[in-house]
Amino acid sequence: MNVEKIFLKNIYPKLKYNPYIEITNIEPILGKTMNRVAIIVPGGGYDNISNREGDPIALEFLKMGYTTIKLVYSTDNVNHSINYPNQVLELLSTIDLAKKLYPESKIVLCGFSAGGHLVGITSYLYKQDSLIKMIGIGENTKADALVLAYPVVTLVGKTHEGTKNVITGGDKNLYHLLSIEENVTSDFPKTFLWSTATDELVPISNTISLDKALNKNNIKHKTIIYENGPHGLALANKLTVPLGVGDYNKDIANWINEAHIFLDEVLG
């Protein structure tokens, strides 16, 4: 298994900060070329990177035959000074590089909580010429499918205030632009979406509003809302359940299998 760490600024020097990616490739072991890439985008309220939502998720995608790319985007948990559009530019750079390295592969973005928000907004902002020109990337940075786990969706309704405040830097003019449910159109990627009804940090109304927007625009998607469970479950198994939560939920832990079934269906 080959693991490679790449600092994006070495390839995209116009980036303001110095995020990095970790590419894990099992092609040398299998002796054949894979045709799917999963870009993993952990949560953390745009203040931190949740380790539980990084490598353990990548391992699951590796088991299913994906090349994985974990994005460690830029954060500042002291001054909260890293705001839009920096995180979007870093994810766009990651997608651009993935398409260059694996031109024949389907690209899946998998985001958790604030990482899910980043995945969602990037999935329509990639079309903005101003962002493309900022870092000099290719125009084709649309993903083929999304996996969103308990994502922050809206900045105009009930939401996770910390995520909203960091990504916008307090600029209210960004609230509508960075609310996913208000910007879904007919070319939004196919989406697998899950959350829990009792999520105490990101109101379930976020998932419901995105599901409605996907339905309205006839986007192929699957939404699962589990009855009970806290925020931040990651794989929802014994490996990734947050400290203090207690026993993991076997039903919720099946979400990764449901996601793979969905991806197999929509990616072909």
Protein backbone atom coordinates (compact mmCIF):
# COMPACT_ATOMS: atom_id res chain seq x y z
CA MET A 1 0.00 0.00 0.00
CA ASN A 2 1.40 3.37 -1.04
CA VAL A 3 0.73 6.48 1.10
CA GLU A 4 1.89 9.84 -0.22
CA LYS A 5 1.67 13.20 1.55
CA ILE A 6 1.46 16.26 -0.71
CA PHE A 7 1.40 19.90 0.34
CA LEU A 8 -1.01 21.55 -2.06
CA LYS A 9 0.78 24.89 -2.06
CA ASN A 10 3.72 23.25 -3.80
CA ILE A 11 1.44 22.57 -6.76
CA TYR A 12 -0.99 25.46 -6.40
CA PRO A 13 1.20 28.34 -5.18
CA LYS A 14 -1.67 30.83 -5.24
CA LEU A 15 -3.24 29.15 -2.22
CA LYS A 16 -2.95 31.42 0.82
CA TYR A 17 -2.24 28.69 3.35
CA ASN A 18 -0.47 25.33 3.28
CA PRO A 19 -3.00 22.46 3.45
CA TYR A 20 -2.00 18.95 2.58
CA ILE A 21 -3.50 15.73 1.30
CA GLU A 22 -2.67 12.11 1.95
CA ILE A 23 -3.16 9.77 -0.99
CA THR A 24 -3.47 6.07 -0.27
CA ASN A 25 -3.26 3.82 -3.27
CA ILE A 26 -3.69 0.04 -3.26
CA GLU A 27 -3.08 -0.42 -7.00
CA PRO A 28 0.48 -1.77 -6.45
CA ILE A 29 -0.93 -4.53 -4.21
CA LEU A 30 -3.79 -5.46 -6.50
CA GLY A 31 -1.77 -5.23 -9.69
CA LYS A 32 -4.51 -3.39 -11.50
CA THR A 33 -5.76 0.14 -12.01
CA MET A 34 -8.74 1.28 -9.96
CA ASN A 35 -11.34 3.60 -11.44
CA ARG A 36 -12.70 5.40 -8.38
CA VAL A 37 -11.25 8.04 -6.08
CA ALA A 38 -12.77 9.04 -2.73
CA ILE A 39 -11.78 12.44 -1.34
CA ILE A 40 -12.38 12.42 2.41
CA VAL A 41 -13.20 15.77 4.05
CA PRO A 42 -13.39 15.53 7.87
CA GLY A 43 -15.42 17.85 10.08
CA GLY A 44 -14.41 19.97 13.04
CA GLY A 45 -16.46 23.17 12.74
CA TYR A 46 -13.83 24.68 10.39
CA ASP A 47 -11.74 25.07 13.57
CA ASN A 48 -10.19 21.61 13.74
CA ILE A 49 -9.81 18.43 11.71
CA SER A 50 -11.58 15.42 13.23
CA ASN A 51 -9.20 12.46 13.02
CA ARG A 52 -12.07 10.02 13.54
CA GLU A 53 -13.59 11.27 10.30
CA GLY A 54 -10.37 10.91 8.31
CA ASP A 55 -8.27 7.74 8.22
CA PRO A 56 -10.98 5.32 9.46
CA ILE A 57 -13.25 6.48 6.64
CA ALA A 58 -10.45 6.19 4.10
CA LEU A 59 -9.84 2.59 5.19
CA GLU A 60 -13.45 1.70 4.45
CA PHE A 61 -13.23 3.16 0.96
CA LEU A 62 -9.92 1.38 0.40
CA LYS A 63 -11.63 -1.91 1.23
CA MET A 64 -14.14 -1.16 -1.52
CA GLY A 65 -11.40 -0.60 -4.09
CA TYR A 66 -11.13 3.20 -4.07
CA THR A 67 -7.97 5.23 -4.15
CA THR A 68 -8.42 7.61 -1.21
CA ILE A 69 -7.36 11.20 -0.70
CA LYS A 70 -7.72 12.70 2.76
CA LEU A 71 -7.81 16.50 2.72
CA VAL A 72 -6.38 18.28 5.76
CA TYR A 73 -7.64 21.76 4.99
CA SER A 74 -6.46 24.89 6.77
CA THR A 75 -7.86 25.75 10.22
CA ASP A 76 -7.18 28.27 12.96
CA ASN A 77 -8.81 27.36 16.27
CA VAL A 78 -7.34 30.38 18.06
CA ASN A 79 -8.22 33.39 15.94
CA HIS A 80 -10.77 31.72 13.62
CA SER A 81 -9.19 33.74 10.85
CA ILE A 82 -9.29 31.21 8.00
CA ASN A 83 -12.56 31.87 6.23
CA TYR A 84 -14.26 31.62 2.85
CA PRO A 85 -13.09 31.17 0.13
CA ASN A 86 -9.90 29.53 1.39
CA GLN A 87 -11.37 26.14 2.31
CA VAL A 88 -13.26 25.96 -0.99
CA LEU A 89 -10.11 26.77 -2.94
CA GLU A 90 -8.25 24.02 -1.10
CA LEU A 91 -10.90 21.43 -1.92
CA LEU A 92 -11.10 22.59 -5.53
CA SER A 93 -7.32 22.18 -5.78
CA THR A 94 -7.63 18.66 -4.38
CA ILE A 95 -10.29 17.72 -6.94
CA ASP A 96 -8.25 19.27 -9.75
CA LEU A 97 -5.18 17.29 -8.74
CA ALA A 98 -7.19 14.07 -8.41
CA LYS A 99 -8.52 14.51 -11.94
CA LYS A 100 -4.99 15.05 -13.24
CA LEU A 101 -3.55 12.04 -11.40
CA TYR A 102 -6.50 9.74 -12.13
CA PRO A 103 -8.11 11.05 -15.33
CA GLU A 104 -10.15 7.91 -15.95
CA SER A 105 -11.56 7.69 -12.42
CA LYS A 106 -14.92 8.70 -10.96
CA ILE A 107 -14.55 11.22 -8.12
CA VAL A 108 -16.55 10.88 -4.88
CA LEU A 109 -16.47 13.55 -2.18
CA CYS A 110 -17.21 12.33 1.35
CA GLY A 111 -17.73 15.03 3.98
CA PHE A 112 -18.68 15.07 7.66
CA SER A 113 -20.40 17.91 9.55
CA ALA A 114 -18.50 21.09 8.56
CA GLY A 115 -16.62 18.94 6.05
CA GLY A 116 -20.00 18.02 4.61
CA HIS A 117 -20.79 21.71 4.34
CA LEU A 118 -17.50 22.28 2.52
CA VAL A 119 -18.25 19.43 0.13
CA GLY A 120 -21.77 20.73 -0.49
CA ILE A 121 -20.86 24.35 -1.23
CA THR A 122 -17.91 23.33 -3.39
CA SER A 123 -20.29 21.21 -5.47
CA TYR A 124 -21.90 24.35 -6.89
CA LEU A 125 -19.21 26.99 -6.36
CA TYR A 126 -16.82 25.09 -8.65
CA LYS A 127 -18.52 26.85 -11.56
CA GLN A 128 -17.51 30.34 -10.42
CA ASP A 129 -14.87 31.77 -12.75
CA SER A 130 -13.52 34.03 -10.02
CA LEU A 131 -12.58 31.03 -7.85
CA ILE A 132 -11.04 29.15 -10.76
CA LYS A 133 -8.87 32.13 -11.64
CA MET A 134 -7.75 32.64 -8.04
CA ILE A 135 -5.69 29.46 -8.07
CA GLY A 136 -5.38 28.61 -11.75
CA ILE A 137 -7.16 25.26 -11.81
CA GLY A 138 -9.03 23.48 -14.57
CA GLU A 139 -12.69 24.21 -15.18
CA ASN A 140 -13.87 20.62 -14.71
CA THR A 141 -13.84 20.09 -10.96
CA LYS A 142 -17.32 18.67 -10.55
CA ALA A 143 -17.54 15.49 -8.49
CA ASP A 144 -19.45 12.46 -9.75
CA ALA A 145 -21.15 11.77 -6.41
CA LEU A 146 -21.28 12.96 -2.80
CA VAL A 147 -21.51 11.23 0.57
CA LEU A 148 -22.64 13.64 3.28
CA ALA A 149 -22.70 12.61 6.95
CA TYR A 150 -24.65 14.82 9.37
CA PRO A 151 -23.69 17.90 7.30
CA VAL A 152 -24.14 21.54 8.17
CA VAL A 153 -26.39 22.66 5.31
CA THR A 154 -27.88 26.06 5.95
CA LEU A 155 -26.52 29.35 7.25
CA VAL A 156 -29.89 31.11 7.16
CA GLY A 157 -31.90 28.70 9.32
CA LYS A 158 -31.18 26.68 12.44
CA THR A 159 -27.60 25.56 12.16
CA HIS A 160 -24.30 25.03 13.95
CA GLU A 161 -23.37 28.59 14.83
CA GLY A 162 -19.66 27.90 15.20
CA THR A 163 -19.40 26.53 11.68
CA LYS A 164 -21.36 29.47 10.31
CA ASN A 165 -19.26 32.05 12.12
CA VAL A 166 -15.91 30.60 11.06
CA ILE A 167 -16.61 30.00 7.37
CA THR A 168 -18.21 33.44 6.90
CA GLY A 169 -15.91 35.36 9.23
CA GLY A 170 -19.09 37.05 10.44
CA ASP A 171 -19.95 38.38 6.97
CA LYS A 172 -23.75 38.15 6.72
CA ASN A 173 -23.56 38.75 2.98
CA LEU A 174 -22.25 35.18 2.64
CA TYR A 175 -25.14 33.46 4.41
CA HIS A 176 -27.24 32.79 1.31
CA LEU A 177 -24.29 32.02 -0.96
CA LEU A 178 -23.04 29.37 1.47
CA SER A 179 -26.41 27.75 2.23
CA ILE A 180 -26.42 24.54 0.24
CA GLU A 181 -30.19 24.07 0.10
CA GLU A 182 -30.60 27.45 -1.62
CA ASN A 183 -28.08 26.65 -4.35
CA VAL A 184 -28.97 23.14 -5.47
CA THR A 185 -29.68 23.05 -9.21
CA SER A 186 -30.35 20.30 -11.72
CA ASP A 187 -26.62 19.55 -12.18
CA PHE A 188 -25.86 19.01 -8.48
CA PRO A 189 -24.02 15.69 -7.96
CA LYS A 190 -25.82 12.49 -7.00
CA THR A 191 -25.89 12.40 -3.22
CA PHE A 192 -26.00 9.95 -0.32
CA LEU A 193 -27.07 11.78 2.84
CA TRP A 194 -27.48 10.63 6.43
CA SER A 195 -27.95 12.03 9.90
CA THR A 196 -29.68 11.31 13.21
CA ALA A 197 -32.94 12.85 14.38
CA THR A 198 -31.46 13.59 17.81
CA ASP A 199 -28.27 15.34 16.60
CA GLU A 200 -27.63 17.91 19.31
CA LEU A 201 -25.17 20.10 17.36
CA VAL A 202 -26.51 20.23 13.79
CA PRO A 203 -30.34 20.36 13.77
CA ILE A 204 -31.97 17.63 11.71
CA SER A 205 -33.74 20.39 9.77
CA ASN A 206 -30.44 20.79 7.88
CA THR A 207 -30.68 17.29 6.42
CA ILE A 208 -34.40 17.66 5.76
CA SER A 209 -33.97 20.94 3.88
CA LEU A 210 -31.25 19.47 1.67
CA ASP A 211 -33.36 16.39 0.97
CA LYS A 212 -36.21 18.66 -0.14
CA ALA A 213 -33.89 20.64 -2.42
CA LEU A 214 -32.56 17.44 -3.99
CA ASN A 215 -36.11 16.20 -4.57
CA LYS A 216 -37.16 19.52 -6.07
CA ASN A 217 -34.32 19.41 -8.58
CA ASN A 218 -34.72 15.71 -9.39
CA ILE A 219 -31.23 14.80 -8.15
CA LYS A 220 -30.65 11.08 -7.71
CA HIS A 221 -30.12 10.67 -3.98
CA LYS A 222 -30.73 8.59 -0.89
CA THR A 223 -31.42 10.09 2.52
CA ILE A 224 -31.36 8.11 5.76
CA ILE A 225 -32.37 9.67 9.07
CA TYR A 226 -31.62 7.38 11.99
CA GLU A 227 -33.90 7.72 15.00
CA ASN A 228 -31.36 8.09 17.79
CA GLY A 229 -27.72 9.08 17.93
CA PRO A 230 -25.46 12.02 18.77
CA HIS A 231 -23.45 14.22 16.44
CA GLY A 232 -20.07 13.13 15.14
CA LEU A 233 -20.48 9.35 15.00
CA ALA A 234 -18.16 8.90 12.00
CA LEU A 235 -18.43 5.17 11.20
CA ALA A 236 -20.65 4.72 14.29
CA ASN A 237 -18.67 1.63 15.28
CA LYS A 238 -16.49 0.86 18.30
CA LEU A 239 -13.49 2.38 16.54
CA THR A 240 -14.95 5.84 15.91
CA VAL A 241 -17.79 6.52 18.38
CA PRO A 242 -16.83 9.67 20.36
CA LEU A 243 -15.59 9.29 23.91
CA GLY A 244 -18.39 9.31 26.47
CA VAL A 245 -21.11 8.28 24.04
CA GLY A 246 -21.24 4.65 25.15
CA ASP A 247 -22.20 1.69 23.02
CA TYR A 248 -22.19 2.11 19.31
CA ASN A 249 -25.35 1.66 17.26
CA LYS A 250 -25.21 -1.30 14.89
CA ASP A 251 -27.99 0.09 12.70
CA ILE A 252 -26.21 3.41 12.19
CA ALA A 253 -22.89 1.63 11.64
CA ASN A 254 -24.44 0.14 8.52
CA TRP A 255 -24.52 3.55 6.82
CA ILE A 256 -21.17 2.95 5.13
CA ASN A 257 -22.53 -0.18 3.47
CA GLU A 258 -25.64 1.70 2.37
CA ALA A 259 -23.41 4.40 0.91
CA HIS A 260 -21.36 1.87 -1.05
CA ILE A 261 -24.52 0.27 -2.45
CA PHE A 262 -25.72 3.71 -3.56
CA LEU A 263 -22.36 4.59 -5.12
CA ASP A 264 -22.19 1.30 -6.99
CA GLU A 265 -25.62 2.09 -8.40
CA VAL A 266 -24.94 5.65 -9.53
CA LEU A 267 -21.31 5.35 -10.63
CA GLY A 268 -21.74 2.24 -12.73
